[in-house]
Amino acid sequence: MKTTISTEKLPIKLWLDDIDEGALQQARNLANLPFAVHHVAVMADAHFGYGMPIGGVLATDEVIIPNAVGVDIGCGVCAMRTSLDDIDRQTLKEVLGRIRSAVPTGFKHHPRKYSERLMPASPLGFEDFKVIPQQYDKARSQLGTLGGGNHFIEIQQGDDRRIWIMVHSGSRNLGYQVAGYYNKLADRLNRKWKSTIDPKWQLAYLPQSSSQGRLYFEEMRYCVDFALSNRLAMMETIADIVRSCITTIEFEEPINIAHNYAAREKHFGRDLIIHRKGATRARDKEMGIIPGSQGTPSFIIRGKGNSESFCSCSHGAGRVLGRKAAQKSLDLQEEIARLDGQNILHDIRSKKDLDEAAGAYKDIHTVIANQNDLVEVVTRLQPLAVVKG
């Protein structure tokens, strides 16, 4: 931990020196919530978000905040180690081309719906659900799709000499719809209840004892399960593609982590609701993943179970430039040269792609070093080829 701020109702514990003022103010808002508990934890990759900083961890007592989970519920990362210790560049190009053809990116979906057996247990029997029954059929065509923004598929070389496959994606439009519905509902109810929380903070809440709070929690959990199914569907597609190019290959069980969700957990002797928005759980000896930005290493890590972070760590490198600022200020040729110089097959082609260039993100090595009390590095993964959302 780098520092503690003690000027608010609750302490704010930070694992970084370079937090932007907007994110810091959001952390101050969290620390002054009447139902926040013990302290607020701010991870090494933190930056400004909606309501709560991305890279924030918040504990509450019997209250859940949709905006403290975010719009991409269950977004996370899967990493799978293969039996390969090398892959030649021509095969890499062929695999990458087939992935781009087989996995829809951005707003694209599959033309056909996936079988229901690949979806999480059907919510259609839960007649009280407000969002998922209406979005369920659409979600079946979104299964196995990457999405946009900072989502990616990478083929990587580990310092264990193995080739790895990594997928970063979330719950697609399903999670977005659930988040939007319940955040608007919470905002409406908070105004009706004359909540003392400033609406400008964007932290409208739902009591966990209320029907609305219980429904959000259950629909959120379904989205977390759907996001995992989505990543696993892509992993299956990618594995089939690699097998078609390299017949003598085996795959280990994937490691999976989510970094946008809320869960009931026990900390400091109390049963609490832990909100992780852009933060990864890191219990003692728990395996996890901290991905880097495009062209930088990612890390397989093992948690240390540090109670001061509510057993959490960063979810990635964290932005230093907003998307538009990156497109305006970064040098296209410099960013391309950075990737070409490492022989990485990448997705930076024009100025619009600079929002996901490495220059838009914090230095991943500094981020990792700032949380050595939270995690230990098990394997460092160097990117060989990247597909961006």
Protein backbone atom coordinates (compact mmCIF):
# COMPACT_ATOMS: atom_id res chain seq x y z
CA MET A 1 0.00 0.00 0.00
CA LYS A 2 1.27 3.44 -0.94
CA THR A 3 -0.72 5.78 1.27
CA THR A 4 -3.85 6.26 3.36
CA ILE A 5 -6.10 9.31 3.21
CA SER A 6 -7.77 9.96 6.57
CA THR A 7 -9.69 13.18 5.91
CA GLU A 8 -13.03 11.54 5.09
CA LYS A 9 -15.58 9.57 7.13
CA LEU A 10 -13.72 6.35 6.30
CA PRO A 11 -10.05 5.92 5.40
CA ILE A 12 -9.07 5.56 1.74
CA LYS A 13 -6.20 3.13 1.15
CA LEU A 14 -4.35 3.54 -2.14
CA TRP A 15 -1.92 1.29 -3.98
CA LEU A 16 -0.74 4.00 -6.40
CA ASP A 17 0.89 7.44 -6.38
CA ASP A 18 -0.53 8.82 -9.61
CA ILE A 19 -4.32 8.79 -9.19
CA ASP A 20 -6.13 11.44 -11.23
CA GLU A 21 -8.18 14.04 -9.37
CA GLY A 22 -11.50 12.82 -10.74
CA ALA A 23 -10.93 9.26 -9.52
CA LEU A 24 -9.70 10.53 -6.16
CA GLN A 25 -12.86 12.60 -5.70
CA GLN A 26 -14.94 9.54 -6.52
CA ALA A 27 -13.04 7.61 -3.84
CA ARG A 28 -13.78 10.42 -1.38
CA ASN A 29 -17.47 10.15 -2.26
CA LEU A 30 -17.39 6.42 -1.54
CA ALA A 31 -15.70 7.00 1.80
CA ASN A 32 -18.53 9.34 2.84
CA LEU A 33 -21.41 7.01 2.00
CA PRO A 34 -23.50 6.31 5.13
CA PHE A 35 -23.48 2.53 4.50
CA ALA A 36 -19.81 2.15 3.48
CA VAL A 37 -17.84 -0.05 5.89
CA HIS A 38 -14.30 0.01 7.34
CA HIS A 39 -12.40 1.70 4.46
CA VAL A 40 -12.25 2.18 0.70
CA ALA A 41 -9.52 0.39 -1.28
CA VAL A 42 -8.11 1.88 -4.49
CA MET A 43 -6.04 -0.48 -6.64
CA ALA A 44 -2.79 0.25 -8.50
CA ASP A 45 -4.53 0.67 -11.89
CA ALA A 46 -7.29 3.03 -10.72
CA HIS A 47 -8.74 5.74 -12.92
CA PHE A 48 -11.95 7.74 -13.34
CA GLY A 49 -15.19 5.83 -13.98
CA TYR A 50 -18.94 6.32 -13.64
CA GLY A 51 -19.76 6.91 -9.97
CA MET A 52 -16.92 4.76 -8.66
CA PRO A 53 -13.32 4.72 -9.84
CA ILE A 54 -12.37 1.78 -12.01
CA GLY A 55 -9.95 -0.10 -9.81
CA GLY A 56 -12.03 0.56 -6.69
CA VAL A 57 -13.20 -1.84 -3.97
CA LEU A 58 -16.11 -0.87 -1.72
CA ALA A 59 -17.63 -2.75 1.22
CA THR A 60 -21.22 -1.96 2.19
CA ASP A 61 -23.63 -3.11 4.85
CA GLU A 62 -26.82 -4.56 3.30
CA VAL A 63 -26.80 -2.14 0.36
CA ILE A 64 -25.88 -2.76 -3.26
CA ILE A 65 -24.94 -0.06 -5.80
CA PRO A 66 -25.39 -0.92 -9.51
CA ASN A 67 -22.90 1.76 -10.62
CA ALA A 68 -20.29 0.29 -8.26
CA VAL A 69 -20.41 -2.85 -10.41
CA GLY A 70 -20.66 -1.09 -13.76
CA VAL A 71 -22.24 -1.71 -17.14
CA ASP A 72 -20.13 -4.69 -18.23
CA ILE A 73 -21.18 -7.02 -15.42
CA GLY A 74 -18.90 -10.02 -15.03
CA CYS A 75 -16.27 -8.69 -17.41
CA GLY A 76 -13.09 -10.63 -16.85
CA VAL A 77 -10.26 -12.69 -18.27
CA CYS A 78 -9.62 -16.35 -19.12
CA ALA A 79 -6.09 -17.66 -19.69
CA MET A 80 -5.32 -21.15 -20.96
CA ARG A 81 -1.89 -22.77 -21.13
CA THR A 82 -1.09 -25.07 -24.04
CA SER A 83 1.44 -27.87 -24.46
CA LEU A 84 3.27 -25.87 -27.17
CA ASP A 85 6.64 -24.32 -26.43
CA ASP A 86 6.81 -22.45 -29.75
CA ILE A 87 4.69 -21.35 -32.71
CA ASP A 88 6.12 -20.16 -36.01
CA ARG A 89 5.08 -16.81 -37.44
CA GLN A 90 3.28 -18.22 -40.48
CA THR A 91 1.12 -20.48 -38.32
CA LEU A 92 0.50 -17.56 -35.98
CA LYS A 93 -0.77 -15.46 -38.89
CA GLU A 94 -3.04 -18.26 -40.06
CA VAL A 95 -4.48 -18.79 -36.56
CA LEU A 96 -5.03 -15.05 -36.13
CA GLY A 97 -6.82 -14.75 -39.47
CA ARG A 98 -9.16 -17.62 -38.61
CA ILE A 99 -9.92 -16.14 -35.19
CA ARG A 100 -10.86 -12.83 -36.79
CA SER A 101 -13.25 -14.66 -39.12
CA ALA A 102 -14.79 -16.88 -36.43
CA VAL A 103 -15.18 -14.52 -33.45
CA PRO A 104 -17.42 -11.45 -33.96
CA THR A 105 -16.05 -8.21 -32.51
CA GLY A 106 -17.52 -4.80 -31.73
CA PHE A 107 -21.32 -4.76 -32.03
CA LYS A 108 -21.39 -7.87 -34.24
CA HIS A 109 -23.13 -11.05 -33.13
CA HIS A 110 -23.30 -14.59 -34.46
CA PRO A 111 -25.95 -15.07 -37.18
CA ARG A 112 -27.29 -18.13 -35.34
CA LYS A 113 -28.17 -18.61 -31.69
CA TYR A 114 -26.02 -20.85 -29.53
CA SER A 115 -27.63 -23.93 -28.01
CA GLU A 116 -29.32 -23.27 -24.68
CA ARG A 117 -27.12 -25.94 -23.10
CA LEU A 118 -24.17 -23.51 -23.41
CA MET A 119 -26.06 -20.76 -21.60
CA PRO A 120 -26.08 -20.53 -17.81
CA ALA A 121 -29.10 -22.16 -16.17
CA SER A 122 -32.14 -20.64 -17.84
CA PRO A 123 -33.71 -17.71 -15.97
CA LEU A 124 -37.03 -18.18 -17.78
CA GLY A 125 -38.49 -19.91 -14.73
CA PHE A 126 -37.73 -16.84 -12.63
CA GLU A 127 -40.84 -14.92 -13.56
CA ASP A 128 -39.91 -12.00 -11.32
CA PHE A 129 -36.75 -11.16 -13.29
CA LYS A 130 -37.14 -7.81 -15.04
CA VAL A 131 -34.48 -7.85 -17.76
CA ILE A 132 -32.98 -11.26 -18.55
CA PRO A 133 -36.17 -12.98 -19.83
CA GLN A 134 -36.57 -10.21 -22.43
CA GLN A 135 -32.89 -10.36 -23.45
CA TYR A 136 -32.34 -14.12 -23.23
CA ASP A 137 -32.82 -15.05 -26.92
CA LYS A 138 -30.66 -12.15 -28.09
CA ALA A 139 -27.97 -13.19 -25.63
CA ARG A 140 -27.76 -16.62 -27.25
CA SER A 141 -26.40 -14.98 -30.43
CA GLN A 142 -24.01 -12.82 -28.35
CA LEU A 143 -22.43 -15.87 -26.72
CA GLY A 144 -18.92 -16.40 -28.06
CA THR A 145 -18.43 -12.77 -29.17
CA LEU A 146 -15.65 -10.43 -28.07
CA GLY A 147 -17.28 -7.01 -27.95
CA GLY A 148 -15.34 -3.77 -28.21
CA GLY A 149 -13.35 -1.30 -26.14
CA ASN A 150 -10.47 -2.88 -24.27
CA HIS A 151 -11.57 -6.46 -24.91
CA PHE A 152 -9.03 -8.67 -26.64
CA ILE A 153 -7.83 -12.11 -27.64
CA GLU A 154 -4.08 -12.72 -27.35
CA ILE A 155 -1.69 -15.52 -28.14
CA GLN A 156 1.22 -15.25 -25.74
CA GLN A 157 4.58 -16.80 -24.84
CA GLY A 158 5.12 -17.39 -21.13
CA ASP A 159 8.40 -17.28 -19.27
CA ASP A 160 7.49 -20.91 -18.51
CA ARG A 161 8.25 -21.44 -22.26
CA ARG A 162 4.63 -22.35 -22.99
CA ILE A 163 2.23 -20.78 -25.47
CA TRP A 164 -0.85 -19.32 -23.77
CA ILE A 165 -4.23 -18.08 -25.04
CA MET A 166 -5.95 -15.20 -23.23
CA VAL A 167 -9.46 -13.76 -23.69
CA HIS A 168 -10.77 -10.56 -22.07
CA SER A 169 -14.51 -10.02 -22.49
CA GLY A 170 -17.75 -9.58 -20.57
CA SER A 171 -21.50 -10.02 -20.57
CA ARG A 172 -22.10 -8.06 -23.78
CA ASN A 173 -25.48 -6.33 -24.17
CA LEU A 174 -27.10 -8.55 -21.53
CA GLY A 175 -25.03 -7.02 -18.71
CA TYR A 176 -25.42 -3.55 -20.18
CA GLN A 177 -29.21 -3.84 -20.13
CA VAL A 178 -29.31 -5.20 -16.58
CA ALA A 179 -26.97 -2.46 -15.34
CA GLY A 180 -28.93 0.30 -17.04
CA TYR A 181 -32.32 -0.89 -15.81
CA TYR A 182 -31.33 -1.20 -12.15
CA ASN A 183 -29.22 1.96 -12.02
CA LYS A 184 -32.19 3.96 -13.33
CA LEU A 185 -34.48 2.17 -10.88
CA ALA A 186 -32.13 2.91 -7.97
CA ASP A 187 -31.88 6.56 -9.00
CA ARG A 188 -35.67 6.87 -9.18
CA LEU A 189 -36.18 5.19 -5.80
CA ASN A 190 -33.43 7.23 -4.13
CA ARG A 191 -35.14 10.43 -5.24
CA LYS A 192 -38.47 9.08 -3.96
CA TRP A 193 -36.86 8.23 -0.60
CA LYS A 194 -35.21 11.68 -0.50
CA SER A 195 -31.80 10.08 -0.12
CA THR A 196 -29.12 12.34 1.34
CA ILE A 197 -26.59 11.08 -1.24
CA ASP A 198 -25.90 13.70 -3.89
CA PRO A 199 -27.35 12.43 -7.23
CA LYS A 200 -24.28 13.91 -8.96
CA TRP A 201 -22.19 11.21 -7.28
CA GLN A 202 -23.96 8.59 -9.47
CA LEU A 203 -24.09 6.16 -6.56
CA ALA A 204 -27.78 5.38 -6.23
CA TYR A 205 -28.31 2.26 -4.08
CA LEU A 206 -30.76 -0.55 -3.48
CA PRO A 207 -31.27 -2.09 -0.02
CA GLN A 208 -30.38 -5.78 -0.20
CA SER A 209 -33.50 -6.54 1.87
CA SER A 210 -35.76 -4.96 -0.77
CA SER A 211 -37.28 -6.88 -3.67
CA GLN A 212 -35.44 -4.56 -6.07
CA GLY A 213 -32.09 -5.19 -4.38
CA ARG A 214 -32.60 -8.96 -4.36
CA LEU A 215 -33.59 -8.98 -8.03
CA TYR A 216 -30.60 -6.90 -9.07
CA PHE A 217 -28.26 -9.20 -7.14
CA GLU A 218 -29.68 -12.30 -8.85
CA GLU A 219 -29.73 -10.79 -12.36
CA MET A 220 -26.20 -9.49 -11.80
CA ARG A 221 -25.03 -12.98 -10.79
CA TYR A 222 -26.60 -14.42 -13.94
CA CYS A 223 -24.65 -11.89 -16.03
CA VAL A 224 -21.42 -12.92 -14.27
CA ASP A 225 -22.15 -16.54 -15.22
CA PHE A 226 -23.03 -15.52 -18.78
CA ALA A 227 -19.76 -13.58 -19.12
CA LEU A 228 -17.84 -16.71 -18.13
CA SER A 229 -19.83 -18.81 -20.63
CA ASN A 230 -19.03 -16.21 -23.27
CA ARG A 231 -15.29 -16.42 -22.61
CA LEU A 232 -15.34 -20.22 -22.54
CA ALA A 233 -17.25 -20.32 -25.84
CA MET A 234 -14.54 -18.17 -27.44
CA MET A 235 -11.83 -20.34 -25.88
CA GLU A 236 -13.45 -23.43 -27.40
CA THR A 237 -13.58 -21.77 -30.82
CA ILE A 238 -9.94 -20.66 -30.58
CA ALA A 239 -8.81 -24.10 -29.40
CA ASP A 240 -10.53 -25.71 -32.41
CA ILE A 241 -8.80 -23.25 -34.74
CA VAL A 242 -5.39 -23.95 -33.22
CA ARG A 243 -6.01 -27.73 -33.41
CA SER A 244 -6.81 -27.39 -37.11
CA CYS A 245 -3.37 -25.81 -37.64
CA ILE A 246 -1.37 -27.80 -35.07
CA THR A 247 -2.63 -31.32 -34.47
CA THR A 248 -0.19 -32.20 -31.68
CA ILE A 249 -1.44 -29.80 -29.03
CA GLU A 250 -3.11 -30.14 -25.64
CA PHE A 251 -4.87 -27.52 -23.53
CA GLU A 252 -4.96 -27.17 -19.76
CA GLU A 253 -8.00 -26.05 -17.79
CA PRO A 254 -8.37 -22.27 -18.13
CA ILE A 255 -7.89 -19.85 -15.27
CA ASN A 256 -10.86 -17.46 -15.03
CA ILE A 257 -11.37 -14.22 -13.12
CA ALA A 258 -14.13 -11.60 -13.15
CA HIS A 259 -13.45 -7.99 -12.22
CA ASN A 260 -16.86 -6.25 -12.32
CA TYR A 261 -19.27 -7.68 -9.75
CA ALA A 262 -20.57 -7.59 -6.18
CA ALA A 263 -20.52 -10.55 -3.79
CA ARG A 264 -21.34 -11.39 -0.20
CA GLU A 265 -18.09 -11.96 1.68
CA LYS A 266 -16.82 -11.91 5.26
CA HIS A 267 -14.17 -9.31 6.11
CA PHE A 268 -13.05 -7.89 9.45
CA GLY A 269 -15.50 -10.21 11.22
CA ARG A 270 -18.56 -8.93 9.33
CA ASP A 271 -20.75 -10.19 6.51
CA LEU A 272 -20.50 -7.49 3.84
CA ILE A 273 -21.30 -6.83 0.20
CA ILE A 274 -18.00 -6.31 -1.61
CA HIS A 275 -18.19 -4.28 -4.83
CA ARG A 276 -15.25 -4.79 -7.20
CA LYS A 277 -15.30 -2.45 -10.17
CA GLY A 278 -12.22 -3.12 -12.25
CA ALA A 279 -10.68 -5.14 -9.42
CA THR A 280 -9.81 -8.84 -9.15
CA ARG A 281 -10.28 -11.04 -6.11
CA ALA A 282 -6.93 -12.20 -4.69
CA ARG A 283 -7.51 -14.53 -1.78
CA ASP A 284 -4.58 -16.37 -0.23
CA LYS A 285 -3.04 -18.68 -2.86
CA GLU A 286 -5.90 -17.94 -5.31
CA MET A 287 -4.73 -17.93 -8.94
CA GLY A 288 -5.55 -14.83 -10.97
CA ILE A 289 -4.72 -12.82 -14.08
CA ILE A 290 -3.56 -9.21 -14.51
CA PRO A 291 -3.48 -8.40 -18.24
CA GLY A 292 -1.32 -5.66 -19.68
CA SER A 293 -2.17 -3.22 -22.46
CA GLN A 294 -1.67 -4.00 -26.16
CA GLY A 295 1.96 -4.92 -26.70
CA THR A 296 2.90 -5.24 -23.02
CA PRO A 297 3.18 -8.32 -20.81
CA SER A 298 0.33 -9.91 -18.88
CA PHE A 299 0.77 -11.79 -15.61
CA ILE A 300 -0.55 -14.95 -14.04
CA ILE A 301 -0.56 -14.16 -10.34
CA ARG A 302 -1.24 -15.80 -6.98
CA GLY A 303 -3.12 -13.86 -4.32
CA LYS A 304 -1.75 -13.16 -0.85
CA GLY A 305 -5.14 -12.64 0.84
CA ASN A 306 -4.34 -9.12 2.07
CA SER A 307 -7.29 -7.93 4.17
CA GLU A 308 -6.39 -4.26 3.61
CA SER A 309 -7.50 -4.57 -0.03
CA PHE A 310 -10.48 -6.78 0.87
CA CYS A 311 -8.42 -9.59 -0.72
CA SER A 312 -8.30 -7.78 -4.08
CA CYS A 313 -5.77 -6.61 -6.66
CA SER A 314 -5.72 -4.62 -9.91
CA HIS A 315 -7.57 -5.85 -13.00
CA GLY A 316 -5.04 -4.57 -15.55
CA ALA A 317 -2.76 -1.64 -16.26
CA GLY A 318 -5.33 1.19 -16.00
CA ARG A 319 -5.76 4.13 -18.33
CA VAL A 320 -3.80 7.37 -18.23
CA LEU A 321 -5.52 8.84 -21.29
CA GLY A 322 -9.20 8.81 -22.22
CA ARG A 323 -10.08 7.35 -25.59
CA LYS A 324 -10.44 10.67 -27.43
CA ALA A 325 -7.36 12.11 -25.74
CA ALA A 326 -5.32 9.08 -26.81
CA GLN A 327 -6.48 9.40 -30.41
CA LYS A 328 -5.54 13.08 -30.43
CA SER A 329 -2.24 13.03 -28.59
CA LEU A 330 -0.51 9.71 -29.33
CA ASP A 331 1.76 9.33 -32.35
CA LEU A 332 0.45 6.60 -34.67
CA GLN A 333 3.80 5.68 -36.20
CA GLU A 334 5.47 5.59 -32.80
CA GLU A 335 2.86 3.20 -31.41
CA ILE A 336 3.06 0.96 -34.47
CA ALA A 337 6.86 0.93 -34.27
CA ARG A 338 6.65 -0.05 -30.60
CA LEU A 339 4.68 -3.18 -31.57
CA ASP A 340 6.51 -3.96 -34.81
CA GLY A 341 9.81 -3.75 -32.96
CA GLN A 342 8.66 -6.64 -30.77
CA ASN A 343 7.39 -8.65 -33.78
CA ILE A 344 3.84 -8.57 -32.39
CA LEU A 345 0.94 -9.12 -34.78
CA HIS A 346 -1.35 -6.30 -33.68
CA ASP A 347 -4.49 -4.31 -34.45
CA ILE A 348 -3.27 -0.71 -34.64
CA ARG A 349 -3.92 0.52 -38.17
CA SER A 350 -5.14 4.12 -37.90
CA LYS A 351 -5.58 7.03 -35.48
CA LYS A 352 -8.90 5.65 -34.24
CA ASP A 353 -7.07 2.57 -32.91
CA LEU A 354 -4.83 4.65 -30.65
CA ASP A 355 -7.42 4.53 -27.84
CA GLU A 356 -6.13 1.01 -27.18
CA ALA A 357 -2.42 1.67 -27.73
CA ALA A 358 0.03 1.01 -24.90
CA GLY A 359 0.64 4.76 -24.59
CA ALA A 360 -2.93 5.21 -23.36
CA TYR A 361 -2.23 3.02 -20.31
CA LYS A 362 -0.12 3.05 -17.16
CA ASP A 363 3.15 1.14 -17.13
CA ILE A 364 2.15 -2.43 -16.25
CA HIS A 365 5.49 -3.11 -14.51
CA THR A 366 4.88 -0.21 -12.11
CA VAL A 367 1.33 -1.41 -11.51
CA ILE A 368 2.59 -4.89 -10.63
CA ALA A 369 5.36 -3.54 -8.39
CA ASN A 370 2.90 -1.32 -6.49
CA GLN A 371 0.89 -4.33 -5.34
CA ASN A 372 3.57 -6.79 -4.30
CA ASP A 373 1.84 -6.99 -0.91
CA LEU A 374 -1.33 -8.22 -2.66
CA VAL A 375 -0.05 -10.74 -5.21
CA GLU A 376 3.02 -12.63 -6.36
CA VAL A 377 3.81 -13.16 -10.03
CA VAL A 378 3.71 -16.80 -11.14
CA THR A 379 4.19 -16.42 -14.91
CA ARG A 380 4.89 -13.46 -17.16
CA LEU A 381 3.26 -13.66 -20.60
CA GLN A 382 4.62 -11.76 -23.60
CA PRO A 383 2.12 -11.07 -26.42
CA LEU A 384 2.78 -12.60 -29.84
CA ALA A 385 -0.50 -11.77 -31.59
CA VAL A 386 -3.49 -9.60 -30.67
CA VAL A 387 -7.12 -9.31 -31.79
CA LYS A 388 -8.82 -6.20 -30.36
CA GLY A 389 -12.54 -5.67 -29.96
